[in-house]
Amino acid sequence: MLDIENLSASYGEAQVLRGVSMSAGKGEVVTLCGRNGAGKTTLLRCVMGLLPYTGRVSLDGNDLARKASYQRARLGVGWVPDDRGTYATLTVAESLSLRVSKDGWPLQRVYDAFPNLYARRASAATKLSGGEQQMLALARVLRMGSRLMLCDEPTEGLSPLLVEQVGAILRQAKEHGVTVLLVEQNLHFAATVADKYYLLAEGEVRPTTPDDKELLTYLGV
C-alpha cells in the first residue's frame, strides 16, 4: 500500500534522510525505531507532504510527488502528530463531525472504541487530559476514513492503562484494513501491535526486530 523509495530530505544544508526505502502493506502496522533526532518525524512529514524531499512516496502504486498535504489527506493519509494537533476551540463532538469518505468509522463505533470521548463529547480539546487528547487525535483520523495512519510517538507520556487502550485501537484499525506507520521508542508496546520493524540511524534505514541486539544497543535499552 505504502512504498517509499530512495527518500532523501534536508533542513537547509543538514541532510536528515539519505536514500530511505521501506514499505507497508494493507492492514500492516510497521514500526520505525530510532533515537531522538534520527529523522523519524521528518520521514512522516515527508509522507504527509509537509516537507520537500527527493525520491518517491507512493500510495497504492500512485506517486504522491505532486500532491499537497490536504490532497494526500483526501486520498486517505491520516496524520497523528506527537503534539496531538487537536483544535482548541472545538468540542470533541465537533472535532469528530467530519467524515471524509465512506470508509470513515461511524460515530457510534468511534464512541464505542473511545468511551472517554463520549463522556467528554461536549468538552473543548483544551479541557481534555493529555491522554484524552491523544485518543481524540486517533479517533479523528479513523473518523475521517484514513487508510494510512502516520502515528508519531502515540504512547509518549501516557499511563500504562492508556498505552493499552492505544494498542487496542491500533489493532482494531488493523483489523479494518488500515495501514499504520508507527514511530515508537517503547519497544514493549510496539511488539504488541507491529508486523515489522525498521531502524532509522544516521539518515538510513534497515529492517530489524524488537530483540535485535544492535537495535537495543543503539537505543540504549
N, C-alpha and C. Protein backbone atom coordinates (compact mmCIF):
# COMPACT_ATOMS: atom_id res chain seq x y z
N MET A 1 0.83 -1.21 0.00
CA MET A 1 0.00 0.00 0.00
C MET A 1 0.86 1.26 0.00
N LEU A 2 1.81 1.32 0.94
CA LEU A 2 2.74 2.44 1.01
C LEU A 2 4.11 1.96 0.57
N ASP A 3 4.71 2.67 -0.37
CA ASP A 3 6.07 2.38 -0.80
C ASP A 3 6.89 3.67 -0.77
N ILE A 4 8.02 3.60 -0.09
CA ILE A 4 8.96 4.72 0.00
C ILE A 4 10.24 4.25 -0.66
N GLU A 5 10.69 4.99 -1.67
CA GLU A 5 11.86 4.57 -2.42
C GLU A 5 12.88 5.70 -2.49
N ASN A 6 14.08 5.43 -2.00
CA ASN A 6 15.22 6.33 -2.13
C ASN A 6 14.89 7.75 -1.65
N LEU A 7 14.22 7.85 -0.51
CA LEU A 7 13.75 9.14 0.01
C LEU A 7 14.90 9.86 0.72
N SER A 8 15.13 11.11 0.33
CA SER A 8 16.13 11.96 0.97
C SER A 8 15.49 13.30 1.31
N ALA A 9 15.88 13.87 2.45
CA ALA A 9 15.33 15.15 2.87
C ALA A 9 16.36 15.89 3.71
N SER A 10 16.30 17.22 3.64
CA SER A 10 17.26 18.06 4.36
C SER A 10 16.57 19.24 4.99
N TYR A 11 17.20 19.78 6.03
CA TYR A 11 16.83 21.07 6.59
C TYR A 11 18.00 22.00 6.27
N GLY A 12 17.84 22.82 5.24
CA GLY A 12 18.95 23.65 4.82
C GLY A 12 20.08 22.77 4.31
N GLU A 13 21.27 22.95 4.87
CA GLU A 13 22.42 22.15 4.45
C GLU A 13 22.56 20.85 5.25
N ALA A 14 21.71 20.69 6.24
CA ALA A 14 21.78 19.48 7.08
C ALA A 14 20.91 18.38 6.49
N GLN A 15 21.53 17.35 5.95
CA GLN A 15 20.77 16.23 5.38
C GLN A 15 20.36 15.29 6.49
N VAL A 16 19.05 14.99 6.56
CA VAL A 16 18.49 14.18 7.63
C VAL A 16 18.21 12.76 7.16
N LEU A 17 17.68 12.60 5.95
CA LEU A 17 17.37 11.29 5.40
C LEU A 17 18.19 11.07 4.14
N ARG A 18 18.74 9.85 4.01
CA ARG A 18 19.63 9.54 2.89
C ARG A 18 19.19 8.25 2.21
N GLY A 19 18.41 8.39 1.17
CA GLY A 19 18.04 7.22 0.37
C GLY A 19 17.25 6.16 1.11
N VAL A 20 16.27 6.59 1.90
CA VAL A 20 15.46 5.66 2.69
C VAL A 20 14.46 4.92 1.81
N SER A 21 14.40 3.61 1.96
CA SER A 21 13.41 2.79 1.25
C SER A 21 12.74 1.85 2.25
N MET A 22 11.43 1.79 2.23
CA MET A 22 10.68 0.89 3.11
C MET A 22 9.27 0.76 2.56
N SER A 23 8.51 -0.19 3.10
CA SER A 23 7.16 -0.41 2.59
C SER A 23 6.24 -0.88 3.71
N ALA A 24 4.95 -0.73 3.48
CA ALA A 24 3.93 -1.19 4.41
C ALA A 24 2.73 -1.68 3.60
N GLY A 25 2.29 -2.90 3.89
CA GLY A 25 1.14 -3.47 3.18
C GLY A 25 -0.17 -3.10 3.83
N LYS A 26 -1.27 -3.38 3.15
CA LYS A 26 -2.58 -3.09 3.68
C LYS A 26 -2.81 -3.84 4.99
N GLY A 27 -3.25 -3.12 6.01
CA GLY A 27 -3.53 -3.72 7.30
C GLY A 27 -2.30 -4.05 8.12
N GLU A 28 -1.14 -3.58 7.72
CA GLU A 28 0.08 -3.81 8.48
C GLU A 28 0.37 -2.64 9.42
N VAL A 29 0.93 -2.97 10.58
CA VAL A 29 1.49 -1.96 11.47
C VAL A 29 3.00 -2.07 11.36
N VAL A 30 3.63 -1.02 10.87
CA VAL A 30 5.08 -1.00 10.67
C VAL A 30 5.68 0.02 11.63
N THR A 31 6.59 -0.44 12.48
CA THR A 31 7.20 0.43 13.48
C THR A 31 8.55 0.93 12.99
N LEU A 32 8.74 2.24 13.11
CA LEU A 32 10.00 2.88 12.78
C LEU A 32 10.69 3.28 14.08
N CYS A 33 11.83 2.64 14.37
CA CYS A 33 12.57 2.87 15.61
C CYS A 33 13.78 3.76 15.34
N GLY A 34 14.25 4.42 16.39
CA GLY A 34 15.45 5.23 16.28
C GLY A 34 15.54 6.22 17.42
N ARG A 35 16.71 6.73 17.65
CA ARG A 35 16.92 7.71 18.71
C ARG A 35 16.21 9.02 18.38
N ASN A 36 16.07 9.87 19.39
CA ASN A 36 15.59 11.22 19.15
C ASN A 36 16.54 11.92 18.19
N GLY A 37 15.97 12.60 17.20
CA GLY A 37 16.78 13.32 16.23
C GLY A 37 17.27 12.47 15.07
N ALA A 38 16.85 11.20 15.02
CA ALA A 38 17.31 10.32 13.95
C ALA A 38 16.64 10.62 12.61
N GLY A 39 15.51 11.32 12.63
CA GLY A 39 14.81 11.65 11.39
C GLY A 39 13.47 10.96 11.23
N LYS A 40 12.98 10.34 12.30
CA LYS A 40 11.71 9.59 12.21
C LYS A 40 10.54 10.52 11.88
N THR A 41 10.43 11.62 12.62
CA THR A 41 9.35 12.57 12.36
C THR A 41 9.51 13.20 10.99
N THR A 42 10.74 13.46 10.59
CA THR A 42 11.00 14.01 9.25
C THR A 42 10.43 13.09 8.18
N LEU A 43 10.63 11.79 8.34
CA LEU A 43 10.11 10.83 7.36
C LEU A 43 8.59 10.89 7.30
N LEU A 44 7.93 10.93 8.47
CA LEU A 44 6.47 11.02 8.48
C LEU A 44 6.00 12.31 7.80
N ARG A 45 6.69 13.41 8.06
CA ARG A 45 6.29 14.69 7.47
C ARG A 45 6.46 14.66 5.96
N CYS A 46 7.46 13.96 5.47
CA CYS A 46 7.62 13.82 4.02
C CYS A 46 6.46 13.03 3.42
N VAL A 47 6.09 11.93 4.07
CA VAL A 47 4.97 11.12 3.58
C VAL A 47 3.68 11.93 3.56
N MET A 48 3.50 12.80 4.57
CA MET A 48 2.30 13.62 4.65
C MET A 48 2.35 14.81 3.70
N GLY A 49 3.51 15.07 3.11
CA GLY A 49 3.63 16.20 2.18
C GLY A 49 3.90 17.51 2.88
N LEU A 50 4.43 17.46 4.09
CA LEU A 50 4.70 18.67 4.86
C LEU A 50 6.13 19.17 4.70
N LEU A 51 6.98 18.36 4.06
CA LEU A 51 8.37 18.74 3.81
C LEU A 51 8.76 18.34 2.40
N PRO A 52 9.60 19.14 1.73
CA PRO A 52 10.09 18.73 0.41
C PRO A 52 11.06 17.57 0.53
N TYR A 53 11.12 16.75 -0.50
CA TYR A 53 12.01 15.59 -0.49
C TYR A 53 12.34 15.19 -1.92
N THR A 54 13.34 14.36 -2.06
CA THR A 54 13.62 13.70 -3.33
C THR A 54 13.38 12.21 -3.13
N GLY A 55 13.16 11.50 -4.23
CA GLY A 55 12.77 10.10 -4.13
C GLY A 55 11.30 9.95 -4.43
N ARG A 56 10.74 8.83 -4.04
CA ARG A 56 9.34 8.53 -4.39
C ARG A 56 8.58 8.03 -3.17
N VAL A 57 7.40 8.60 -2.97
CA VAL A 57 6.44 8.11 -1.99
C VAL A 57 5.17 7.79 -2.75
N SER A 58 4.74 6.54 -2.69
CA SER A 58 3.55 6.15 -3.46
C SER A 58 2.54 5.46 -2.57
N LEU A 59 1.28 5.67 -2.88
CA LEU A 59 0.16 5.06 -2.18
C LEU A 59 -0.64 4.26 -3.19
N ASP A 60 -0.75 2.95 -2.96
CA ASP A 60 -1.42 2.06 -3.92
C ASP A 60 -0.83 2.20 -5.31
N GLY A 61 0.48 2.39 -5.39
CA GLY A 61 1.17 2.49 -6.67
C GLY A 61 1.16 3.85 -7.31
N ASN A 62 0.47 4.82 -6.70
CA ASN A 62 0.37 6.16 -7.27
C ASN A 62 1.36 7.10 -6.58
N ASP A 63 2.23 7.72 -7.36
CA ASP A 63 3.24 8.64 -6.84
C ASP A 63 2.54 9.88 -6.28
N LEU A 64 2.90 10.24 -5.05
CA LEU A 64 2.28 11.39 -4.39
C LEU A 64 3.07 12.68 -4.58
N ALA A 65 4.08 12.68 -5.44
CA ALA A 65 5.00 13.81 -5.54
C ALA A 65 4.30 15.14 -5.78
N ARG A 66 3.28 15.15 -6.58
CA ARG A 66 2.61 16.40 -6.92
C ARG A 66 1.39 16.69 -6.03
N LYS A 67 1.22 15.90 -4.98
CA LYS A 67 0.06 16.07 -4.11
C LYS A 67 0.44 16.89 -2.87
N ALA A 68 -0.33 17.93 -2.61
CA ALA A 68 -0.16 18.71 -1.39
C ALA A 68 -0.67 17.89 -0.20
N SER A 69 -0.38 18.36 1.00
CA SER A 69 -0.76 17.59 2.19
C SER A 69 -2.27 17.39 2.27
N TYR A 70 -3.07 18.42 1.93
CA TYR A 70 -4.52 18.26 2.02
C TYR A 70 -5.03 17.27 0.98
N GLN A 71 -4.36 17.20 -0.17
CA GLN A 71 -4.75 16.22 -1.18
C GLN A 71 -4.39 14.80 -0.74
N ARG A 72 -3.27 14.65 -0.05
CA ARG A 72 -2.90 13.34 0.47
C ARG A 72 -3.89 12.90 1.55
N ALA A 73 -4.35 13.86 2.35
CA ALA A 73 -5.36 13.54 3.35
C ALA A 73 -6.64 13.03 2.69
N ARG A 74 -7.04 13.65 1.59
CA ARG A 74 -8.24 13.22 0.88
C ARG A 74 -8.07 11.84 0.26
N LEU A 75 -6.83 11.48 -0.05
CA LEU A 75 -6.55 10.15 -0.60
C LEU A 75 -6.48 9.07 0.48
N GLY A 76 -6.53 9.51 1.76
CA GLY A 76 -6.57 8.54 2.84
C GLY A 76 -5.37 8.51 3.75
N VAL A 77 -4.50 9.53 3.67
CA VAL A 77 -3.34 9.59 4.56
C VAL A 77 -3.72 10.43 5.79
N GLY A 78 -3.63 9.82 6.98
CA GLY A 78 -4.01 10.50 8.22
C GLY A 78 -2.79 10.78 9.08
N TRP A 79 -2.77 11.93 9.71
CA TRP A 79 -1.61 12.41 10.47
C TRP A 79 -1.98 12.51 11.95
N VAL A 80 -1.25 11.77 12.80
CA VAL A 80 -1.41 11.86 14.24
C VAL A 80 -0.07 12.36 14.80
N PRO A 81 0.10 13.68 14.93
CA PRO A 81 1.40 14.23 15.33
C PRO A 81 1.70 14.00 16.80
N ASP A 82 2.97 14.20 17.16
CA ASP A 82 3.36 13.97 18.55
C ASP A 82 2.78 15.01 19.50
N ASP A 83 2.34 16.17 18.96
CA ASP A 83 1.72 17.18 19.82
C ASP A 83 0.19 17.09 19.80
N ARG A 84 -0.33 15.97 19.28
CA ARG A 84 -1.76 15.64 19.19
C ARG A 84 -2.49 16.43 18.11
N GLY A 85 -2.19 17.73 17.95
CA GLY A 85 -2.78 18.50 16.87
C GLY A 85 -4.27 18.70 16.97
N THR A 86 -4.81 18.73 18.19
CA THR A 86 -6.25 18.95 18.35
C THR A 86 -6.59 20.43 18.21
N TYR A 87 -7.84 20.71 17.86
CA TYR A 87 -8.31 22.09 17.69
C TYR A 87 -8.87 22.60 19.01
N ALA A 88 -8.20 23.59 19.57
CA ALA A 88 -8.52 24.05 20.93
C ALA A 88 -9.94 24.58 21.04
N THR A 89 -10.46 25.20 19.99
CA THR A 89 -11.77 25.86 20.08
C THR A 89 -12.93 24.92 19.79
N LEU A 90 -12.64 23.70 19.35
CA LEU A 90 -13.71 22.77 19.01
C LEU A 90 -13.96 21.79 20.13
N THR A 91 -15.21 21.41 20.29
CA THR A 91 -15.53 20.34 21.25
C THR A 91 -15.15 18.99 20.64
N VAL A 92 -15.18 17.97 21.46
CA VAL A 92 -14.91 16.63 20.97
C VAL A 92 -15.89 16.27 19.86
N ALA A 93 -17.17 16.53 20.08
CA ALA A 93 -18.20 16.20 19.08
C ALA A 93 -17.96 16.94 17.77
N GLU A 94 -17.57 18.21 17.86
CA GLU A 94 -17.30 19.00 16.65
C GLU A 94 -16.07 18.47 15.92
N SER A 95 -15.05 18.06 16.66
CA SER A 95 -13.84 17.53 16.04
C SER A 95 -14.11 16.23 15.30
N LEU A 96 -15.11 15.48 15.76
CA LEU A 96 -15.44 14.19 15.16
C LEU A 96 -16.61 14.26 14.18
N SER A 97 -17.02 15.48 13.84
CA SER A 97 -18.20 15.62 12.98
C SER A 97 -17.89 15.35 11.51
N LEU A 98 -16.60 15.46 11.13
CA LEU A 98 -16.25 15.34 9.72
C LEU A 98 -15.94 13.90 9.35
N ARG A 99 -16.65 13.38 8.39
CA ARG A 99 -16.40 12.05 7.84
C ARG A 99 -16.14 12.23 6.35
N VAL A 100 -14.87 12.12 5.96
CA VAL A 100 -14.47 12.46 4.60
C VAL A 100 -14.88 11.41 3.58
N SER A 101 -14.83 10.13 3.95
CA SER A 101 -15.13 9.07 3.00
C SER A 101 -16.04 8.02 3.63
N LYS A 102 -16.56 7.15 2.79
CA LYS A 102 -17.43 6.08 3.26
C LYS A 102 -16.68 5.10 4.15
N ASP A 103 -15.34 5.13 4.07
CA ASP A 103 -14.53 4.24 4.89
C ASP A 103 -14.35 4.76 6.32
N GLY A 104 -14.78 6.00 6.56
CA GLY A 104 -14.65 6.56 7.89
C GLY A 104 -15.49 5.81 8.91
N TRP A 105 -14.96 5.64 10.10
CA TRP A 105 -15.70 4.94 11.14
C TRP A 105 -16.98 5.68 11.48
N PRO A 106 -18.13 4.98 11.56
CA PRO A 106 -19.35 5.64 12.04
C PRO A 106 -19.13 6.22 13.43
N LEU A 107 -19.84 7.28 13.73
CA LEU A 107 -19.63 7.96 15.00
C LEU A 107 -19.86 7.03 16.19
N GLN A 108 -20.85 6.15 16.09
CA GLN A 108 -21.11 5.24 17.21
C GLN A 108 -19.95 4.28 17.43
N ARG A 109 -19.33 3.82 16.34
CA ARG A 109 -18.17 2.94 16.50
C ARG A 109 -17.02 3.69 17.18
N VAL A 110 -16.85 4.95 16.81
CA VAL A 110 -15.80 5.76 17.43
C VAL A 110 -16.05 5.88 18.93
N TYR A 111 -17.29 6.20 19.30
CA TYR A 111 -17.60 6.36 20.73
C TYR A 111 -17.53 5.03 21.48
N ASP A 112 -17.86 3.94 20.80
CA ASP A 112 -17.72 2.63 21.44
C ASP A 112 -16.25 2.32 21.72
N ALA A 113 -15.39 2.72 20.78
CA ALA A 113 -13.96 2.46 20.94
C ALA A 113 -13.30 3.43 21.91
N PHE A 114 -13.87 4.63 22.03
CA PHE A 114 -13.30 5.68 22.89
C PHE A 114 -14.37 6.17 23.87
N PRO A 115 -14.73 5.35 24.85
CA PRO A 115 -15.81 5.74 25.76
C PRO A 115 -15.54 7.04 26.51
N ASN A 116 -14.27 7.34 26.79
CA ASN A 116 -13.96 8.59 27.46
C ASN A 116 -14.34 9.80 26.61
N LEU A 117 -14.17 9.66 25.31
CA LEU A 117 -14.53 10.76 24.42
C LEU A 117 -16.03 10.97 24.38
N TYR A 118 -16.78 9.88 24.46
CA TYR A 118 -18.25 10.03 24.51
C TYR A 118 -18.65 10.78 25.76
N ALA A 119 -18.02 10.45 26.88
CA ALA A 119 -18.33 11.13 28.14
C ALA A 119 -17.95 12.60 28.10
N ARG A 120 -16.91 12.93 27.29
CA ARG A 120 -16.43 14.31 27.23
C ARG A 120 -16.79 14.98 25.91
N ARG A 121 -17.81 14.49 25.23
CA ARG A 121 -18.09 14.96 23.87
C ARG A 121 -18.46 16.44 23.80
N ALA A 122 -18.94 17.03 24.91
CA ALA A 122 -19.28 18.45 24.91
C ALA A 122 -18.13 19.33 25.37
N SER A 123 -16.98 18.73 25.67
CA SER A 123 -15.84 19.47 26.21
C SER A 123 -14.92 19.93 25.08
N ALA A 124 -14.33 21.12 25.26
CA ALA A 124 -13.33 21.60 24.32
C ALA A 124 -12.04 20.81 24.50
N ALA A 125 -11.24 20.76 23.45
CA ALA A 125 -10.00 19.98 23.50
C ALA A 125 -9.07 20.46 24.61
N THR A 126 -9.09 21.76 24.89
CA THR A 126 -8.22 22.30 25.94
C THR A 126 -8.59 21.80 27.32
N LYS A 127 -9.80 21.27 27.48
CA LYS A 127 -10.25 20.77 28.78
C LYS A 127 -9.94 19.29 28.96
N LEU A 128 -9.40 18.65 27.93
CA LEU A 128 -9.10 17.23 28.00
C LEU A 128 -7.72 17.00 28.59
N SER A 129 -7.54 15.84 29.20
CA SER A 129 -6.21 15.45 29.66
C SER A 129 -5.35 15.12 28.45
N GLY A 130 -4.03 14.98 28.68
CA GLY A 130 -3.13 14.62 27.58
C GLY A 130 -3.52 13.31 26.94
N GLY A 131 -3.90 12.33 27.76
CA GLY A 131 -4.32 11.04 27.23
C GLY A 131 -5.58 11.15 26.40
N GLU A 132 -6.53 11.94 26.87
CA GLU A 132 -7.78 12.13 26.12
C GLU A 132 -7.53 12.86 24.81
N GLN A 133 -6.60 13.80 24.81
CA GLN A 133 -6.25 14.48 23.56
C GLN A 133 -5.63 13.51 22.56
N GLN A 134 -4.81 12.59 23.07
CA GLN A 134 -4.23 11.59 22.18
C GLN A 134 -5.32 10.70 21.59
N MET A 135 -6.27 10.29 22.41
CA MET A 135 -7.39 9.48 21.93
C MET A 135 -8.19 10.24 20.87
N LEU A 136 -8.38 11.55 21.09
CA LEU A 136 -9.12 12.36 20.13
C LEU A 136 -8.37 12.43 18.80
N ALA A 137 -7.05 12.58 18.85
CA ALA A 137 -6.25 12.63 17.62
C ALA A 137 -6.39 11.34 16.82
N LEU A 138 -6.35 10.20 17.51
CA LEU A 138 -6.52 8.91 16.84
C LEU A 138 -7.94 8.76 16.30
N ALA A 139 -8.92 9.13 17.12
CA ALA A 139 -10.32 8.98 16.72
C ALA A 139 -10.65 9.82 15.49
N ARG A 140 -10.09 11.02 15.45
CA ARG A 140 -10.38 11.93 14.33
C ARG A 140 -9.90 11.35 13.01
N VAL A 141 -8.70 10.74 13.02
CA VAL A 141 -8.16 10.14 11.81
C VAL A 141 -9.01 8.96 11.35
N LEU A 142 -9.45 8.13 12.29
CA LEU A 142 -10.29 6.98 11.94
C LEU A 142 -11.66 7.44 11.46
N ARG A 143 -12.18 8.46 12.07
CA ARG A 143 -13.48 9.01 11.69
C ARG A 143 -13.45 9.54 10.26
N MET A 144 -12.31 10.11 9.86
CA MET A 144 -12.19 10.69 8.53
C MET A 144 -12.01 9.63 7.45
N GLY A 145 -11.76 8.39 7.86
CA GLY A 145 -11.63 7.33 6.86
C GLY A 145 -10.23 7.15 6.31
N SER A 146 -9.22 7.50 7.11
CA SER A 146 -7.84 7.36 6.65
C SER A 146 -7.50 5.88 6.46
N ARG A 147 -6.84 5.59 5.36
CA ARG A 147 -6.40 4.22 5.07
C ARG A 147 -4.96 4.00 5.50
N LEU A 148 -4.23 5.09 5.68
CA LEU A 148 -2.85 5.05 6.15
C LEU A 148 -2.73 6.04 7.31
N MET A 149 -2.39 5.54 8.49
CA MET A 149 -2.22 6.38 9.67
C MET A 149 -0.73 6.56 9.95
N LEU A 150 -0.31 7.81 10.06
CA LEU A 150 1.06 8.14 10.43
C LEU A 150 1.05 8.57 11.89
N CYS A 151 1.53 7.71 12.77
CA CYS A 151 1.45 7.94 14.22
C CYS A 151 2.82 8.23 14.79
N ASP A 152 2.98 9.43 15.35
CA ASP A 152 4.26 9.87 15.87
C ASP A 152 4.26 9.80 17.40
N GLU A 153 4.90 8.76 17.95
CA GLU A 153 5.02 8.58 19.41
C GLU A 153 3.66 8.67 20.12
N PRO A 154 2.68 7.85 19.74
CA PRO A 154 1.34 7.98 20.33
C PRO A 154 1.26 7.60 21.80
N THR A 155 2.25 6.89 22.33
CA THR A 155 2.18 6.46 23.74
C THR A 155 3.01 7.35 24.66
N GLU A 156 3.70 8.33 24.10
CA GLU A 156 4.58 9.15 24.92
C GLU A 156 3.81 9.90 26.01
N GLY A 157 4.25 9.73 27.26
CA GLY A 157 3.63 10.44 28.37
C GLY A 157 2.33 9.86 28.86
N LEU A 158 1.91 8.71 28.33
CA LEU A 158 0.63 8.12 28.73
C LEU A 158 0.82 7.10 29.85
N SER A 159 -0.22 6.94 30.65
CA SER A 159 -0.21 5.93 31.70
C SER A 159 -0.26 4.54 31.06
N PRO A 160 0.17 3.49 31.80
CA PRO A 160 0.11 2.13 31.24
C PRO A 160 -1.28 1.75 30.75
N LEU A 161 -2.33 2.19 31.46
CA LEU A 161 -3.70 1.86 31.04
C LEU A 161 -4.01 2.48 29.69
N LEU A 162 -3.62 3.74 29.50
CA LEU A 162 -3.89 4.42 28.24
C LEU A 162 -3.04 3.83 27.11
N VAL A 163 -1.83 3.41 27.45
CA VAL A 163 -0.99 2.75 26.44
C VAL A 163 -1.69 1.49 25.93
N GLU A 164 -2.30 0.73 26.84
CA GLU A 164 -3.04 -0.47 26.43
C GLU A 164 -4.21 -0.09 25.53
N GLN A 165 -4.88 1.02 25.83
CA GLN A 165 -6.01 1.45 25.01
C GLN A 165 -5.55 1.86 23.61
N VAL A 166 -4.41 2.55 23.52
CA VAL A 166 -3.86 2.90 22.22
C VAL A 166 -3.57 1.63 21.41
N GLY A 167 -2.98 0.64 22.06
CA GLY A 167 -2.71 -0.63 21.39
C GLY A 167 -3.97 -1.29 20.88
N ALA A 168 -5.02 -1.27 21.69
CA ALA A 168 -6.29 -1.88 21.28
C ALA A 168 -6.87 -1.16 20.06
N ILE A 169 -6.76 0.16 20.04
CA ILE A 169 -7.27 0.93 18.91
C ILE A 169 -6.49 0.62 17.64
N LEU A 170 -5.17 0.54 17.74
CA LEU A 170 -4.37 0.24 16.56
C LEU A 170 -4.68 -1.16 16.03
N ARG A 171 -4.92 -2.10 16.94
CA ARG A 171 -5.28 -3.45 16.48
C ARG A 171 -6.64 -3.45 15.81
N GLN A 172 -7.59 -2.66 16.33
CA GLN A 172 -8.90 -2.55 15.67
C GLN A 172 -8.75 -1.96 14.27
N ALA A 173 -7.95 -0.91 14.17
CA ALA A 173 -7.73 -0.26 12.87
C ALA A 173 -7.13 -1.26 11.88
N LYS A 174 -6.18 -2.04 12.37
CA LYS A 174 -5.54 -3.06 11.55
C LYS A 174 -6.56 -4.08 11.04
N GLU A 175 -7.46 -4.50 11.91
CA GLU A 175 -8.49 -5.47 11.53
C GLU A 175 -9.40 -4.92 10.43
N HIS A 176 -9.53 -3.59 10.38
CA HIS A 176 -10.37 -2.97 9.36
C HIS A 176 -9.56 -2.58 8.12
N GLY A 177 -8.33 -3.09 8.01
CA GLY A 177 -7.53 -2.87 6.82
C GLY A 177 -6.74 -1.59 6.79
N VAL A 178 -6.70 -0.86 7.90
CA VAL A 178 -5.93 0.38 7.96
C VAL A 178 -4.45 0.05 8.14
N THR A 179 -3.61 0.70 7.38
CA THR A 179 -2.17 0.56 7.50
C THR A 179 -1.64 1.63 8.45
N VAL A 180 -0.71 1.24 9.30
CA VAL A 180 -0.17 2.18 10.30
C VAL A 180 1.34 2.23 10.18
N LEU A 181 1.88 3.43 10.00
CA LEU A 181 3.32 3.67 10.10
C LEU A 181 3.55 4.33 11.44
N LEU A 182 4.15 3.59 12.35
CA LEU A 182 4.23 3.96 13.76
C LEU A 182 5.65 4.32 14.16
N VAL A 183 5.86 5.57 14.57
CA VAL A 183 7.14 5.96 15.17
C VAL A 183 7.02 5.70 16.67
N GLU A 184 7.90 4.87 17.20
CA GLU A 184 7.74 4.45 18.60
C GLU A 184 9.08 4.01 19.18
N GLN A 185 9.37 4.46 20.40
CA GLN A 185 10.58 4.01 21.10
C GLN A 185 10.26 3.00 22.19
N ASN A 186 8.98 2.86 22.52
CA ASN A 186 8.56 1.86 23.51
C ASN A 186 8.46 0.51 22.80
N LEU A 187 9.56 -0.24 22.81
CA LEU A 187 9.60 -1.50 22.06
C LEU A 187 8.65 -2.54 22.63
N HIS A 188 8.43 -2.49 23.95
CA HIS A 188 7.48 -3.44 24.54
C HIS A 188 6.09 -3.21 23.97
N PHE A 189 5.70 -1.95 23.85
CA PHE A 189 4.40 -1.64 23.25
C PHE A 189 4.39 -2.01 21.77
N ALA A 190 5.44 -1.63 21.06
CA ALA A 190 5.49 -1.90 19.62
C ALA A 190 5.34 -3.38 19.33
N ALA A 191 5.93 -4.23 20.19
CA ALA A 191 5.87 -5.68 19.97
C ALA A 191 4.44 -6.22 20.08
N THR A 192 3.53 -5.47 20.72
CA THR A 192 2.14 -5.92 20.86
C THR A 192 1.29 -5.59 19.64
N VAL A 193 1.80 -4.73 18.75
CA VAL A 193 0.97 -4.29 17.62
C VAL A 193 1.64 -4.44 16.26
N ALA A 194 2.97 -4.43 16.21
CA ALA A 194 3.67 -4.30 14.93
C ALA A 194 3.82 -5.63 14.20
N ASP A 195 3.80 -5.55 12.86
CA ASP A 195 4.07 -6.69 12.00
C ASP A 195 5.52 -6.72 11.55
N LYS A 196 6.11 -5.56 11.40
CA LYS A 196 7.53 -5.50 11.04
C LYS A 196 8.11 -4.18 11.54
N TYR A 197 9.45 -4.13 11.52
CA TYR A 197 10.17 -3.04 12.15
C TYR A 197 11.30 -2.56 11.25
N TYR A 198 11.58 -1.25 11.34
CA TYR A 198 12.74 -0.68 10.68
C TYR A 198 13.49 0.17 11.70
N LEU A 199 14.82 0.17 11.58
CA LEU A 199 15.66 1.02 12.40
C LEU A 199 16.18 2.15 11.53
N LEU A 200 15.97 3.39 11.97
CA LEU A 200 16.48 4.56 11.28
C LEU A 200 17.66 5.10 12.07
N ALA A 201 18.83 5.10 11.46
CA ALA A 201 20.05 5.57 12.13
C ALA A 201 20.93 6.28 11.11
N GLU A 202 21.39 7.47 11.49
CA GLU A 202 22.28 8.26 10.64
C GLU A 202 21.67 8.47 9.25
N GLY A 203 20.36 8.69 9.23
CA GLY A 203 19.68 9.02 7.99
C GLY A 203 19.35 7.84 7.10
N GLU A 204 19.73 6.63 7.52
CA GLU A 204 19.48 5.45 6.69
C GLU A 204 18.64 4.45 7.48
N VAL A 205 17.97 3.55 6.75
CA VAL A 205 17.04 2.63 7.39
C VAL A 205 17.37 1.20 7.02
N ARG A 206 17.08 0.28 7.93
CA ARG A 206 17.23 -1.14 7.64
C ARG A 206 16.18 -1.92 8.41
N PRO A 207 15.76 -3.09 7.90
CA PRO A 207 14.82 -3.93 8.64
C PRO A 207 15.44 -4.40 9.95
N THR A 208 14.62 -4.61 10.97
CA THR A 208 15.11 -5.06 12.26
C THR A 208 14.01 -5.85 12.96
N THR A 209 14.28 -6.27 14.18
CA THR A 209 13.30 -6.94 15.03
C THR A 209 13.39 -6.33 16.42
N PRO A 210 12.35 -6.49 17.26
CA PRO A 210 12.38 -5.86 18.57
C PRO A 210 13.41 -6.44 19.53
N ASP A 211 13.98 -7.60 19.19
CA ASP A 211 15.01 -8.19 20.05
C ASP A 211 16.39 -8.17 19.38
N ASP A 212 16.52 -7.37 18.32
CA ASP A 212 17.80 -7.22 17.63
C ASP A 212 18.80 -6.55 18.57
N LYS A 213 19.94 -7.20 18.83
CA LYS A 213 20.91 -6.68 19.78
C LYS A 213 21.47 -5.32 19.34
N GLU A 214 21.66 -5.15 18.03
CA GLU A 214 22.14 -3.86 17.54
C GLU A 214 21.12 -2.76 17.79
N LEU A 215 19.86 -3.07 17.58
CA LEU A 215 18.80 -2.10 17.83
C LEU A 215 18.78 -1.74 19.31
N LEU A 216 18.80 -2.74 20.19
CA LEU A 216 18.73 -2.48 21.62
C LEU A 216 19.93 -1.67 22.10
N THR A 217 21.10 -1.98 21.56
CA THR A 217 22.30 -1.22 21.93
C THR A 217 22.19 0.21 21.43
N TYR A 218 21.71 0.40 20.21
CA TYR A 218 21.59 1.73 19.61
C TYR A 218 20.63 2.60 20.41
N LEU A 219 19.52 2.00 20.85
CA LEU A 219 18.52 2.75 21.61
C LEU A 219 18.89 2.87 23.09
N GLY A 220 19.91 2.15 23.51
CA GLY A 220 20.31 2.20 24.91
C GLY A 220 19.37 1.47 25.82
N VAL A 221 18.71 0.43 25.29
CA VAL A 221 17.75 -0.34 26.09
C VAL A 221 18.49 -1.42 26.90
